[in-house]
Amino acid sequence: MANNRLVILVNGLPGAGKSTLAYPLARELGVPLFGKDLIKETWADVLGSHPPDE
C-alpha cells in the first residue's frame, strides 16, 4: 500500500505574504502548518533557552 506524503514549503522575502498564503492553504487542505516561529519557540522550550530575535 502506498503511503503518499505531501510537503509544501513557502519561502520568500519578509513581508511578501508567506503567512497570508500559508494559513488559508493549510486550512483548505486540512493539513497542519509548521511555521518558523512555532518551530523556534518549541525548540527553545525543549532546550531551555530562547535564541536572539533575527
Protein backbone atom coordinates (compact mmCIF):
# COMPACT_ATOMS: atom_id res chain seq x y z
CA MET A 1 0.00 0.00 0.00
CA ALA A 2 1.40 3.38 -0.99
CA ASN A 3 1.96 5.97 1.72
CA ASN A 4 1.86 9.28 -0.12
CA ARG A 5 3.03 12.37 1.73
CA LEU A 6 2.98 15.97 0.67
CA VAL A 7 5.20 18.77 1.93
CA ILE A 8 4.64 22.32 0.76
CA LEU A 9 7.35 24.86 1.55
CA VAL A 10 6.54 28.55 1.32
CA ASN A 11 9.56 30.81 1.05
CA GLY A 12 10.08 34.46 0.33
CA LEU A 13 11.25 37.84 1.48
CA PRO A 14 9.92 39.43 4.68
CA GLY A 15 6.51 40.96 4.06
CA ALA A 16 5.96 39.04 0.82
CA GLY A 17 2.77 37.37 2.08
CA LYS A 18 4.03 33.90 3.00
CA SER A 19 1.78 33.59 6.07
CA THR A 20 -1.12 35.17 4.20
CA LEU A 21 -0.83 32.31 1.71
CA ALA A 22 0.18 29.50 4.06
CA TYR A 23 -2.58 29.74 6.69
CA PRO A 24 -5.58 29.56 4.34
CA LEU A 25 -3.81 26.96 2.18
CA ALA A 26 -3.24 24.69 5.19
CA ARG A 27 -6.84 25.19 6.31
CA GLU A 28 -8.20 24.40 2.84
CA LEU A 29 -6.05 21.26 2.50
CA GLY A 30 -6.80 20.16 6.07
CA VAL A 31 -3.13 19.83 6.94
CA PRO A 32 -1.06 21.17 9.85
CA LEU A 33 1.03 24.28 9.40
CA PHE A 34 4.50 24.32 10.90
CA GLY A 35 5.68 27.91 10.86
CA LYS A 36 9.22 29.05 11.62
CA ASP A 37 8.19 30.90 14.77
CA LEU A 38 6.37 27.88 16.20
CA ILE A 39 9.34 25.63 15.50
CA LYS A 40 11.81 28.11 17.04
CA GLU A 41 9.68 28.56 20.17
CA THR A 42 9.19 24.80 20.59
CA TRP A 43 12.92 24.08 20.33
CA ALA A 44 13.70 26.94 22.69
CA ASP A 45 11.32 25.42 25.25
CA VAL A 46 12.85 21.96 24.77
CA LEU A 47 16.42 23.24 25.02
CA GLY A 48 15.62 25.63 27.85
CA SER A 49 16.77 28.81 26.15
CA HIS A 50 15.46 31.27 23.65
CA PRO A 51 17.59 32.33 20.67
CA PRO A 52 18.03 36.05 19.96
CA ASP A 53 15.49 37.63 17.63
CA GLU A 54 16.50 37.75 14.00
